[in-house]
PDB file of N, CA and C in Angstrom:
ATOM      1  N   MET A   1      19.388 -31.225 -35.775  1.00  0.00           N
ATOM      2  CA  MET A   1      18.946 -30.081 -35.014  1.00  0.00           C
ATOM      3  C   MET A   1      17.633 -30.399 -34.290  1.00  0.00           C
ATOM      4  N   LYS A   2      16.728 -31.042 -35.040  1.00  0.00           N
ATOM      5  CA  LYS A   2      15.443 -31.398 -34.465  1.00  0.00           C
ATOM      6  C   LYS A   2      15.637 -32.409 -33.337  1.00  0.00           C
ATOM      7  N   TYR A   3      16.585 -33.323 -33.524  1.00  0.00           N
ATOM      8  CA  TYR A   3      16.876 -34.324 -32.506  1.00  0.00           C
ATOM      9  C   TYR A   3      17.339 -33.648 -31.217  1.00  0.00           C
ATOM     10  N   LEU A   4      18.215 -32.642 -31.355  1.00  0.00           N
ATOM     11  CA  LEU A   4      18.724 -31.935 -30.177  1.00  0.00           C
ATOM     12  C   LEU A   4      17.599 -31.197 -29.459  1.00  0.00           C
ATOM     13  N   GLU A   5      16.683 -30.599 -30.213  1.00  0.00           N
ATOM     14  CA  GLU A   5      15.561 -29.908 -29.592  1.00  0.00           C
ATOM     15  C   GLU A   5      14.679 -30.882 -28.825  1.00  0.00           C
ATOM     16  N   GLN A   6      14.418 -32.060 -29.431  1.00  0.00           N
ATOM     17  CA  GLN A   6      13.598 -33.062 -28.752  1.00  0.00           C
ATOM     18  C   GLN A   6      14.300 -33.590 -27.508  1.00  0.00           C
ATOM     19  N   ARG A   7      15.595 -33.812 -27.616  1.00  0.00           N
ATOM     20  CA  ARG A   7      16.373 -34.311 -26.477  1.00  0.00           C
ATOM     21  C   ARG A   7      16.384 -33.275 -25.348  1.00  0.00           C
ATOM     22  N   ASN A   8      16.509 -31.997 -25.705  1.00  0.00           N
ATOM     23  CA  ASN A   8      16.495 -30.916 -24.728  1.00  0.00           C
ATOM     24  C   ASN A   8      15.139 -30.875 -24.020  1.00  0.00           C
ATOM     25  N   LYS A   9      14.077 -31.047 -24.785  1.00  0.00           N
ATOM     26  CA  LYS A   9      12.725 -31.055 -24.222  1.00  0.00           C
ATOM     27  C   LYS A   9      12.556 -32.233 -23.264  1.00  0.00           C
ATOM     28  N   GLN A  10      13.080 -33.420 -23.663  1.00  0.00           N
ATOM     29  CA  GLN A  10      12.990 -34.589 -22.800  1.00  0.00           C
ATOM     30  C   GLN A  10      13.740 -34.366 -21.488  1.00  0.00           C
ATOM     31  N   LEU A  11      14.913 -33.761 -21.586  1.00  0.00           N
ATOM     32  CA  LEU A  11      15.701 -33.488 -20.380  1.00  0.00           C
ATOM     33  C   LEU A  11      14.984 -32.499 -19.458  1.00  0.00           C
ATOM     34  N   GLU A  12      14.358 -31.475 -20.047  1.00  0.00           N
ATOM     35  CA  GLU A  12      13.606 -30.512 -19.243  1.00  0.00           C
ATOM     36  C   GLU A  12      12.430 -31.187 -18.556  1.00  0.00           C
ATOM     37  N   ASP A  13      11.729 -32.070 -19.282  1.00  0.00           N
ATOM     38  CA  ASP A  13      10.604 -32.797 -18.693  1.00  0.00           C
ATOM     39  C   ASP A  13      11.077 -33.694 -17.559  1.00  0.00           C
ATOM     40  N   GLN A  14      12.211 -34.387 -17.763  1.00  0.00           N
ATOM     41  CA  GLN A  14      12.753 -35.249 -16.719  1.00  0.00           C
ATOM     42  C   GLN A  14      13.123 -34.439 -15.479  1.00  0.00           C
ATOM     43  N   GLN A  15      13.685 -33.240 -15.697  1.00  0.00           N
ATOM     44  CA  GLN A  15      14.069 -32.386 -14.578  1.00  0.00           C
ATOM     45  C   GLN A  15      12.833 -31.943 -13.809  1.00  0.00           C
ATOM     46  N   ALA A  16      11.768 -31.570 -14.518  1.00  0.00           N
ATOM     47  CA  ALA A  16      10.535 -31.159 -13.859  1.00  0.00           C
ATOM     48  C   ALA A  16       9.943 -32.314 -13.062  1.00  0.00           C
ATOM     49  N   ILE A  17       9.967 -33.532 -13.637  1.00  0.00           N
ATOM     50  CA  ILE A  17       9.446 -34.711 -12.937  1.00  0.00           C
ATOM     51  C   ILE A  17      10.263 -34.992 -11.676  1.00  0.00           C
ATOM     52  N   MET A  18      11.588 -34.863 -11.788  1.00  0.00           N
ATOM     53  CA  MET A  18      12.458 -35.104 -10.629  1.00  0.00           C
ATOM     54  C   MET A  18      12.184 -34.079  -9.531  1.00  0.00           C
ATOM     55  N   GLU A  19      11.953 -32.820  -9.913  1.00  0.00           N
ATOM     56  CA  GLU A  19      11.650 -31.791  -8.916  1.00  0.00           C
ATOM     57  C   GLU A  19      10.332 -32.097  -8.212  1.00  0.00           C
ATOM     58  N   LEU A  20       9.320 -32.521  -8.969  1.00  0.00           N
ATOM     59  CA  LEU A  20       8.039 -32.878  -8.370  1.00  0.00           C
ATOM     60  C   LEU A  20       8.181 -34.070  -7.423  1.00  0.00           C
ATOM     61  N   GLN A  21       8.974 -35.070  -7.833  1.00  0.00           N
ATOM     62  CA  GLN A  21       9.207 -36.219  -6.960  1.00  0.00           C
ATOM     63  C   GLN A  21       9.921 -35.801  -5.681  1.00  0.00           C
ATOM     64  N   ASN A  22      10.862 -34.888  -5.815  1.00  0.00           N
ATOM     65  CA  ASN A  22      11.604 -34.384  -4.665  1.00  0.00           C
ATOM     66  C   ASN A  22      10.654 -33.676  -3.698  1.00  0.00           C
ATOM     67  N   ILE A  23       9.762 -32.856  -4.234  1.00  0.00           N
ATOM     68  CA  ILE A  23       8.790 -32.152  -3.393  1.00  0.00           C
ATOM     69  C   ILE A  23       7.889 -33.162  -2.685  1.00  0.00           C
ATOM     70  N   ARG A  24       7.415 -34.179  -3.423  1.00  0.00           N
ATOM     71  CA  ARG A  24       6.546 -35.199  -2.841  1.00  0.00           C
ATOM     72  C   ARG A  24       7.278 -35.946  -1.720  1.00  0.00           C
ATOM     73  N   GLU A  25       8.546 -36.271  -1.939  1.00  0.00           N
ATOM     74  CA  GLU A  25       9.319 -36.969  -0.910  1.00  0.00           C
ATOM     75  C   GLU A  25       9.486 -36.111   0.339  1.00  0.00           C
ATOM     76  N   HIS A  26       9.723 -34.818   0.144  1.00  0.00           N
ATOM     77  CA  HIS A  26       9.860 -33.911   1.291  1.00  0.00           C
ATOM     78  C   HIS A  26       8.555 -33.852   2.076  1.00  0.00           C
ATOM     79  N   ARG A  27       7.428 -33.791   1.379  1.00  0.00           N
ATOM     80  CA  ARG A  27       6.132 -33.765   2.046  1.00  0.00           C
ATOM     81  C   ARG A  27       5.905 -35.042   2.849  1.00  0.00           C
ATOM     82  N   GLN A  28       6.193 -36.173   2.221  1.00  0.00           N
ATOM     83  CA  GLN A  28       6.006 -37.448   2.914  1.00  0.00           C
ATOM     84  C   GLN A  28       6.920 -37.546   4.130  1.00  0.00           C
ATOM     85  N   ALA A  29       8.154 -37.081   3.990  1.00  0.00           N
ATOM     86  CA  ALA A  29       9.090 -37.115   5.117  1.00  0.00           C
ATOM     87  C   ALA A  29       8.600 -36.208   6.238  1.00  0.00           C
ATOM     88  N   ALA A  30       8.064 -35.026   5.876  1.00  0.00           N
ATOM     89  CA  ALA A  30       7.558 -34.103   6.892  1.00  0.00           C
ATOM     90  C   ALA A  30       6.348 -34.700   7.603  1.00  0.00           C
ATOM     91  N   GLN A  31       5.492 -35.376   6.861  1.00  0.00           N
ATOM     92  CA  GLN A  31       4.322 -35.990   7.489  1.00  0.00           C
ATOM     93  C   GLN A  31       4.738 -37.134   8.412  1.00  0.00           C
ATOM     94  N   SER A  32       5.729 -37.891   8.008  1.00  0.00           N
ATOM     95  CA  SER A  32       6.164 -39.007   8.849  1.00  0.00           C
ATOM     96  C   SER A  32       6.868 -38.498  10.104  1.00  0.00           C
ATOM     97  N   ARG A  33       7.470 -37.309  10.029  1.00  0.00           N
ATOM     98  CA  ARG A  33       8.150 -36.736  11.185  1.00  0.00           C
ATOM     99  C   ARG A  33       7.176 -36.169  12.208  1.00  0.00           C
ATOM    100  N   ARG A  34       5.972 -35.856  11.738  1.00  0.00           N
ATOM    101  CA  ARG A  34       4.993 -35.294  12.671  1.00  0.00           C
ATOM    102  C   ARG A  34       4.661 -36.309  13.750  1.00  0.00           C
ATOM    103  N   VAL A  35       4.753 -35.827  14.955  1.00  0.00           N
ATOM    104  CA  VAL A  35       4.487 -36.680  16.099  1.00  0.00           C
ATOM    105  C   VAL A  35       3.315 -36.057  16.838  1.00  0.00           C
ATOM    106  N   GLU A  36       2.565 -36.871  17.523  1.00  0.00           N
ATOM    107  CA  GLU A  36       1.467 -36.333  18.314  1.00  0.00           C
ATOM    108  C   GLU A  36       2.014 -35.320  19.317  1.00  0.00           C
ATOM    109  N   LEU A  37       1.401 -34.134  19.331  1.00  0.00           N
ATOM    110  CA  LEU A  37       1.837 -33.102  20.254  1.00  0.00           C
ATOM    111  C   LEU A  37       1.225 -33.352  21.623  1.00  0.00           C
ATOM    112  N   THR A  38       1.982 -33.014  22.616  1.00  0.00           N
ATOM    113  CA  THR A  38       1.435 -33.126  23.974  1.00  0.00           C
ATOM    114  C   THR A  38       0.411 -32.028  24.167  1.00  0.00           C
ATOM    115  N   SER A  39      -0.376 -32.141  25.211  1.00  0.00           N
ATOM    116  CA  SER A  39      -1.410 -31.137  25.459  1.00  0.00           C
ATOM    117  C   SER A  39      -0.779 -29.772  25.697  1.00  0.00           C
ATOM    118  N   LEU A  40       0.389 -29.743  26.343  1.00  0.00           N
ATOM    119  CA  LEU A  40       1.074 -28.476  26.592  1.00  0.00           C
ATOM    120  C   LEU A  40       1.518 -27.839  25.281  1.00  0.00           C
ATOM    121  N   GLU A  41       2.062 -28.643  24.368  1.00  0.00           N
ATOM    122  CA  GLU A  41       2.494 -28.118  23.069  1.00  0.00           C
ATOM    123  C   GLU A  41       1.298 -27.635  22.256  1.00  0.00           C
ATOM    124  N   GLN A  42       0.187 -28.363  22.340  1.00  0.00           N
ATOM    125  CA  GLN A  42      -1.024 -27.932  21.637  1.00  0.00           C
ATOM    126  C   GLN A  42      -1.516 -26.605  22.195  1.00  0.00           C
ATOM    127  N   GLU A  43      -1.473 -26.467  23.516  1.00  0.00           N
ATOM    128  CA  GLU A  43      -1.912 -25.219  24.157  1.00  0.00           C
ATOM    129  C   GLU A  43      -1.005 -24.058  23.743  1.00  0.00           C
ATOM    130  N   ILE A  44       0.288 -24.325  23.674  1.00  0.00           N
ATOM    131  CA  ILE A  44       1.232 -23.281  23.249  1.00  0.00           C
ATOM    132  C   ILE A  44       0.937 -22.855  21.810  1.00  0.00           C
ATOM    133  N   ASN A  45       0.678 -23.837  20.930  1.00  0.00           N
ATOM    134  CA  ASN A  45       0.354 -23.511  19.536  1.00  0.00           C
ATOM    135  C   ASN A  45      -0.941 -22.709  19.444  1.00  0.00           C
ATOM    136  N   GLU A  46      -1.946 -23.087  20.229  1.00  0.00           N
ATOM    137  CA  GLU A  46      -3.212 -22.351  20.222  1.00  0.00           C
ATOM    138  C   GLU A  46      -3.017 -20.926  20.730  1.00  0.00           C
ATOM    139  N   ASP A  47      -2.207 -20.783  21.806  1.00  0.00           N
ATOM    140  CA  ASP A  47      -1.927 -19.443  22.325  1.00  0.00           C
ATOM    141  C   ASP A  47      -1.204 -18.607  21.282  1.00  0.00           C
ATOM    142  N   ARG A  48      -0.283 -19.227  20.580  1.00  0.00           N
ATOM    143  CA  ARG A  48       0.466 -18.525  19.546  1.00  0.00           C
ATOM    144  C   ARG A  48      -0.489 -18.054  18.442  1.00  0.00           C
ATOM    145  N   GLU A  49      -1.402 -18.941  18.039  1.00  0.00           N
ATOM    146  CA  GLU A  49      -2.371 -18.567  17.001  1.00  0.00           C
ATOM    147  C   GLU A  49      -3.303 -17.471  17.487  1.00  0.00           C
ATOM    148  N   ALA A  50      -3.766 -17.576  18.738  1.00  0.00           N
ATOM    149  CA  ALA A  50      -4.652 -16.552  19.294  1.00  0.00           C
ATOM    150  C   ALA A  50      -3.924 -15.209  19.353  1.00  0.00           C
ATOM    151  N   ASN A  51      -2.659 -15.237  19.750  1.00  0.00           N
ATOM    152  CA  ASN A  51      -1.874 -14.006  19.814  1.00  0.00           C
ATOM    153  C   ASN A  51      -1.710 -13.404  18.426  1.00  0.00           C
ATOM    154  N   LEU A  52      -1.449 -14.247  17.433  1.00  0.00           N
ATOM    155  CA  LEU A  52      -1.308 -13.749  16.067  1.00  0.00           C
ATOM    156  C   LEU A  52      -2.617 -13.140  15.571  1.00  0.00           C
ATOM    157  N   GLU A  53      -3.746 -13.748  15.934  1.00  0.00           N
ATOM    158  CA  GLU A  53      -5.043 -13.193  15.540  1.00  0.00           C
ATOM    159  C   GLU A  53      -5.263 -11.828  16.188  1.00  0.00           C
ATOM    160  N   ARG A  54      -4.907 -11.706  17.491  1.00  0.00           N
ATOM    161  CA  ARG A  54      -5.050 -10.407  18.172  1.00  0.00           C
ATOM    162  C   ARG A  54      -4.172  -9.347  17.522  1.00  0.00           C
ATOM    163  N   VAL A  55      -2.941  -9.710  17.220  1.00  0.00           N
ATOM    164  CA  VAL A  55      -2.016  -8.769  16.575  1.00  0.00           C
ATOM    165  C   VAL A  55      -2.547  -8.373  15.203  1.00  0.00           C
ATOM    166  N   ASN A  56      -3.084  -9.334  14.478  1.00  0.00           N
ATOM    167  CA  ASN A  56      -3.635  -9.063  13.151  1.00  0.00           C
ATOM    168  C   ASN A  56      -4.811  -8.095  13.249  1.00  0.00           C
ATOM    169  N   MET A  57      -5.707  -8.333  14.211  1.00  0.00           N
ATOM    170  CA  MET A  57      -6.856  -7.429  14.389  1.00  0.00           C
ATOM    171  C   MET A  57      -6.377  -6.027  14.759  1.00  0.00           C
ATOM    172  N   HIS A  58      -5.373  -5.950  15.638  1.00  0.00           N
ATOM    173  CA  HIS A  58      -4.826  -4.645  16.034  1.00  0.00           C
ATOM    174  C   HIS A  58      -4.234  -3.919  14.829  1.00  0.00           C
ATOM    175  N   LEU A  59      -3.484  -4.645  14.012  1.00  0.00           N
ATOM    176  CA  LEU A  59      -2.884  -4.027  12.825  1.00  0.00           C
ATOM    177  C   LEU A  59      -3.951  -3.586  11.827  1.00  0.00           C
ATOM    178  N   GLU A  60      -5.023  -4.360  11.715  1.00  0.00           N
ATOM    179  CA  GLU A  60      -6.122  -3.952  10.826  1.00  0.00           C
ATOM    180  C   GLU A  60      -6.759  -2.663  11.321  1.00  0.00           C
ATOM    181  N   ARG A  61      -6.951  -2.554  12.650  1.00  0.00           N
ATOM    182  CA  ARG A  61      -7.507  -1.305  13.201  1.00  0.00           C
ATOM    183  C   ARG A  61      -6.581  -0.128  12.923  1.00  0.00           C
ATOM    184  N   LEU A  62      -5.278  -0.342  13.111  1.00  0.00           N
ATOM    185  CA  LEU A  62      -4.316   0.732  12.829  1.00  0.00           C
ATOM    186  C   LEU A  62      -4.348   1.131  11.361  1.00  0.00           C
ATOM    187  N   LEU A  63      -4.477   0.146  10.484  1.00  0.00           N
ATOM    188  CA  LEU A  63      -4.543   0.429   9.058  1.00  0.00           C
ATOM    189  C   LEU A  63      -5.807   1.215   8.722  1.00  0.00           C
ATOM    190  N   ASP A  64      -6.935   0.827   9.314  1.00  0.00           N
ATOM    191  CA  ASP A  64      -8.181   1.570   9.090  1.00  0.00           C
ATOM    192  C   ASP A  64      -8.048   3.008   9.573  1.00  0.00           C
ATOM    193  N   LYS A  65      -7.435   3.181  10.748  1.00  0.00           N
ATOM    194  CA  LYS A  65      -7.245   4.533  11.283  1.00  0.00           C
ATOM    195  C   LYS A  65      -6.335   5.348  10.368  1.00  0.00           C
ATOM    196  N   ALA A  66      -5.268   4.723   9.878  1.00  0.00           N
ATOM    197  CA  ALA A  66      -4.354   5.423   8.974  1.00  0.00           C
ATOM    198  C   ALA A  66      -5.070   5.799   7.677  1.00  0.00           C
ATOM    199  N   ASP A  67      -5.947   4.916   7.180  1.00  0.00           N
ATOM    200  CA  ASP A  67      -6.713   5.230   5.971  1.00  0.00           C
ATOM    201  C   ASP A  67      -7.630   6.420   6.205  1.00  0.00           C
ATOM    202  N   LYS A  68      -8.289   6.451   7.386  1.00  0.00           N
ATOM    203  CA  LYS A  68      -9.168   7.579   7.703  1.00  0.00           C
ATOM    204  C   LYS A  68      -8.367   8.870   7.808  1.00  0.00           C
ATOM    205  N   ASP A  69      -7.214   8.783   8.476  1.00  0.00           N
ATOM    206  CA  ASP A  69      -6.367   9.967   8.613  1.00  0.00           C
ATOM    207  C   ASP A  69      -5.896  10.463   7.244  1.00  0.00           C
ATOM    208  N   LEU A  70      -5.535   9.546   6.390  1.00  0.00           N
ATOM    209  CA  LEU A  70      -5.092   9.921   5.051  1.00  0.00           C
ATOM    210  C   LEU A  70      -6.219  10.594   4.281  1.00  0.00           C
ATOM    211  N   SER A  71      -7.417  10.036   4.409  1.00  0.00           N
ATOM    212  CA  SER A  71      -8.573  10.631   3.736  1.00  0.00           C
ATOM    213  C   SER A  71      -8.822  12.039   4.256  1.00  0.00           C
ATOM    214  N   LEU A  72      -8.741  12.209   5.569  1.00  0.00           N
ATOM    215  CA  LEU A  72      -8.937  13.528   6.168  1.00  0.00           C
ATOM    216  C   LEU A  72      -7.862  14.505   5.690  1.00  0.00           C
ATOM    217  N   LEU A  73      -6.613  14.059   5.656  1.00  0.00           N
ATOM    218  CA  LEU A  73      -5.529  14.931   5.207  1.00  0.00           C
ATOM    219  C   LEU A  73      -5.699  15.337   3.748  1.00  0.00           C
ATOM    220  N   ARG A  74      -6.157  14.406   2.919  1.00  0.00           N
ATOM    221  CA  ARG A  74      -6.400  14.753   1.516  1.00  0.00           C
ATOM    222  C   ARG A  74      -7.510  15.789   1.408  1.00  0.00           C
ATOM    223  N   HIS A  75      -8.570  15.596   2.209  1.00  0.00           N
ATOM    224  CA  HIS A  75      -9.670  16.558   2.192  1.00  0.00           C
ATOM    225  C   HIS A  75      -9.190  17.928   2.650  1.00  0.00           C
ATOM    226  N   MET A  76      -8.371  17.944   3.712  1.00  0.00           N
ATOM    227  CA  MET A  76      -7.858  19.215   4.216  1.00  0.00           C
ATOM    228  C   MET A  76      -6.963  19.888   3.175  1.00  0.00           C
ATOM    229  N   ALA A  77      -6.136  19.112   2.521  1.00  0.00           N
ATOM    230  CA  ALA A  77      -5.252  19.681   1.502  1.00  0.00           C
ATOM    231  C   ALA A  77      -6.070  20.281   0.371  1.00  0.00           C
ATOM    232  N   PHE A  78      -7.108  19.576  -0.065  1.00  0.00           N
ATOM    233  CA  PHE A  78      -7.979  20.098  -1.122  1.00  0.00           C
ATOM    234  C   PHE A  78      -8.658  21.383  -0.650  1.00  0.00           C
ATOM    235  N   HIS A  79      -9.157  21.371   0.601  1.00  0.00           N
ATOM    236  CA  HIS A  79      -9.859  22.551   1.152  1.00  0.00           C
ATOM    237  C   HIS A  79      -8.915  23.759   1.179  1.00  0.00           C
ATOM    238  N   TYR A  80      -7.711  23.579   1.730  1.00  0.00           N
ATOM    239  CA  TYR A  80      -6.801  24.714   1.848  1.00  0.00           C
ATOM    240  C   TYR A  80      -6.250  25.154   0.497  1.00  0.00           C
ATOM    241  N   ARG A  81      -6.105  24.222  -0.446  1.00  0.00           N
ATOM    242  CA  ARG A  81      -5.683  24.601  -1.789  1.00  0.00           C
ATOM    243  C   ARG A  81      -6.752  25.476  -2.438  1.00  0.00           C
ATOM    244  N   ALA A  82      -8.025  25.066  -2.296  1.00  0.00           N
ATOM    245  CA  ALA A  82      -9.122  25.851  -2.861  1.00  0.00           C
ATOM    246  C   ALA A  82      -9.206  27.211  -2.178  1.00  0.00           C
ATOM    247  N   ARG A  83      -9.045  27.224  -0.849  1.00  0.00           N
ATOM    248  CA  ARG A  83      -9.089  28.494  -0.112  1.00  0.00           C
ATOM    249  C   ARG A  83      -7.944  29.406  -0.536  1.00  0.00           C
ATOM    250  N   ASN A  84      -6.762  28.841  -0.720  1.00  0.00           N
ATOM    251  CA  ASN A  84      -5.600  29.607  -1.154  1.00  0.00           C
ATOM    252  C   ASN A  84      -5.853  30.236  -2.523  1.00  0.00           C
ATOM    253  N   MET A  85      -6.446  29.437  -3.429  1.00  0.00           N
ATOM    254  CA  MET A  85      -6.720  29.966  -4.766  1.00  0.00           C
ATOM    255  C   MET A  85      -7.738  31.100  -4.718  1.00  0.00           C
ATOM    256  N   SER A  86      -8.773  30.959  -3.872  1.00  0.00           N
ATOM    257  CA  SER A  86      -9.782  32.023  -3.799  1.00  0.00           C
ATOM    258  C   SER A  86      -9.195  33.291  -3.186  1.00  0.00           C
ATOM    259  N   VAL A  87      -8.327  33.138  -2.179  1.00  0.00           N
ATOM    260  CA  VAL A  87      -7.701  34.308  -1.560  1.00  0.00           C
ATOM    261  C   VAL A  87      -6.750  34.982  -2.548  1.00  0.00           C
ATOM    262  N   LYS A  88      -6.029  34.196  -3.344  1.00  0.00           N
ATOM    263  CA  LYS A  88      -5.162  34.790  -4.360  1.00  0.00           C
ATOM    264  C   LYS A  88      -5.988  35.585  -5.369  1.00  0.00           C
ATOM    265  N   ALA A  89      -7.147  35.047  -5.735  1.00  0.00           N
ATOM    266  CA  ALA A  89      -8.023  35.758  -6.661  1.00  0.00           C
ATOM    267  C   ALA A  89      -8.508  37.064  -6.036  1.00  0.00           C
ATOM    268  N   GLN A  90      -8.858  37.035  -4.742  1.00  0.00           N
ATOM    269  CA  GLN A  90      -9.284  38.264  -4.052  1.00  0.00           C
ATOM    270  C   GLN A  90      -8.155  39.282  -4.021  1.00  0.00           C
ATOM    271  N   ILE A  91      -6.941  38.812  -3.737  1.00  0.00           N
ATOM    272  CA  ILE A  91      -5.789  39.721  -3.696  1.00  0.00           C
ATOM    273  C   ILE A  91      -5.570  40.354  -5.063  1.00  0.00           C
ATOM    274  N   LYS A  92      -5.668  39.558  -6.104  1.00  0.00           N
ATOM    275  CA  LYS A  92      -5.494  40.067  -7.465  1.00  0.00           C
ATOM    276  C   LYS A  92      -6.555  41.118  -7.776  1.00  0.00           C
ATOM    277  N   SER A  93      -7.788  40.822  -7.384  1.00  0.00           N
ATOM    278  CA  SER A  93      -8.882  41.768  -7.616  1.00  0.00           C
ATOM    279  C   SER A  93      -8.655  43.065  -6.848  1.00  0.00           C
ATOM    280  N   LEU A  94      -8.253  42.946  -5.589  1.00  0.00           N
ATOM    281  CA  LEU A  94      -7.998  44.142  -4.785  1.00  0.00           C
ATOM    282  C   LEU A  94      -6.818  44.954  -5.325  1.00  0.00           C
ATOM    283  N   LYS A  95      -5.782  44.267  -5.825  1.00  0.00           N
ATOM    284  CA  LYS A  95      -4.655  44.979  -6.423  1.00  0.00           C
ATOM    285  C   LYS A  95      -5.105  45.757  -7.653  1.00  0.00           C
ATOM    286  N   ALA A  96      -5.963  45.126  -8.468  1.00  0.00           N
ATOM    287  CA  ALA A  96      -6.471  45.804  -9.661  1.00  0.00           C
ATOM    288  C   ALA A  96      -7.283  47.034  -9.261  1.00  0.00           C
ATOM    289  N   LYS A  97      -8.127  46.894  -8.241  1.00  0.00           N
ATOM    290  CA  LYS A  97      -8.925  48.040  -7.772  1.00  0.00           C
ATOM    291  C   LYS A  97      -8.029  49.142  -7.233  1.00  0.00           C
ATOM    292  N   LEU A  98      -6.986  48.742  -6.493  1.00  0.00           N
ATOM    293  CA  LEU A  98      -6.060  49.721  -5.926  1.00  0.00           C
ATOM    294  C   LEU A  98      -5.314  50.457  -7.022  1.00  0.00           C
ATOM    295  N   SER A  99      -4.839  49.735  -8.021  1.00  0.00           N
ATOM    296  CA  SER A  99      -4.104  50.406  -9.098  1.00  0.00           C
ATOM    297  C   SER A  99      -5.040  51.323  -9.880  1.00  0.00           C
ATOM    298  N   LYS A 100      -6.280  50.908 -10.068  1.00  0.00           N
ATOM    299  CA  LYS A 100      -7.255  51.747 -10.766  1.00  0.00           C
ATOM    300  C   LYS A 100      -7.553  53.005  -9.954  1.00  0.00           C
ATOM    301  N   ALA A 101      -7.685  52.835  -8.636  1.00  0.00           N
ATOM    302  CA  ALA A 101      -7.965  53.987  -7.775  1.00  0.00           C
ATOM    303  C   ALA A 101      -6.780  54.947  -7.751  1.00  0.00           C
ATOM    304  N   THR A 102      -5.568  54.419  -7.726  1.00  0.00           N
ATOM    305  CA  THR A 102      -4.392  55.303  -7.700  1.00  0.00           C
ATOM    306  C   THR A 102      -4.245  56.044  -9.028  1.00  0.00           C
ATOM    307  N   LYS A 103      -4.577  55.389 -10.145  1.00  0.00           N
ATOM    308  CA  LYS A 103      -4.535  56.078 -11.439  1.00  0.00           C
ATOM    309  C   LYS A 103      -5.551  57.204 -11.478  1.00  0.00           C
ATOM    310  N   GLU A 104      -6.759  56.934 -10.990  1.00  0.00           N
ATOM    311  CA  GLU A 104      -7.796  57.976 -10.971  1.00  0.00           C
ATOM    312  C   GLU A 104      -7.388  59.126 -10.075  1.00  0.00           C
ATOM    313  N   GLU A 105      -6.749  58.801  -8.948  1.00  0.00           N
ATOM    314  CA  GLU A 105      -6.291  59.830  -8.019  1.00  0.00           C
ATOM    315  C   GLU A 105      -5.227  60.701  -8.676  1.00  0.00           C
ATOM    316  N   LYS A 106      -4.303  60.089  -9.408  1.00  0.00           N
ATOM    317  CA  LYS A 106      -3.248  60.848 -10.088  1.00  0.00           C
ATOM    318  C   LYS A 106      -3.837  61.751 -11.171  1.00  0.00           C
ATOM    319  N   GLU A 107      -4.844  61.221 -11.891  1.00  0.00           N
ATOM    320  CA  GLU A 107      -5.482  62.007 -12.937  1.00  0.00           C
ATOM    321  C   GLU A 107      -6.198  63.224 -12.352  1.00  0.00           C
ATOM    322  N   LYS A 108      -6.845  63.052 -11.189  1.00  0.00           N
ATOM    323  CA  LYS A 108      -7.536  64.158 -10.530  1.00  0.00           C
ATOM    324  C   LYS A 108      -6.528  65.206 -10.074  1.00  0.00           C
ATOM    325  N   ASP A 109      -5.375  64.743  -9.572  1.00  0.00           N
ATOM    326  CA  ASP A 109      -4.347  65.655  -9.085  1.00  0.00           C
ATOM    327  C   ASP A 109      -3.756  66.463 -10.243  1.00  0.00           C
ATOM    328  N   GLN A 110      -3.659  65.849 -11.434  1.00  0.00           N
ATOM    329  CA  GLN A 110      -3.062  66.540 -12.578  1.00  0.00           C
ATOM    330  C   GLN A 110      -4.021  67.593 -13.133  1.00  0.00           C
ATOM    331  N   LEU A 111      -5.292  67.381 -12.973  1.00  0.00           N
ATOM    332  CA  LEU A 111      -6.252  68.356 -13.493  1.00  0.00           C
ATOM    333  C   LEU A 111      -6.339  69.509 -12.562  1.00  0.00           C
TER     334      LEU A 111
END
C-alpha cells in the first residue's frame, strides 16, 4: 500500500515537471517566433495601447460618476424614508387628536 502511495506521488511529480517543461518550451517557442516589428506595426501597437488607455480612463470616469450617483440615491432614499416616517408619526398624532376631539364632542352632545 505504501509502495502504491509513493509511486502515485512520483507519477504526480513527474506530471507536474512535464507540465512545467511544456510551459517553458511554449515560452521559448513564442520568443523565437517574435520578429522585429516594422515601424508601421509598432505605430499600430502604440495606437492600440493609447486607445485602450483612453477607453480605460473613460470607463473609470463613468464608474466614478456611477458611484457618486449611487451615493446620492442612497442619501435620497434615506432622506425620504426618514421623512415618510415623520409624516406617518404626524398622521398618527393627528388621528389621535381627532378621535379625542370627536369623543369629547359626542360627550358634550349627550349632556
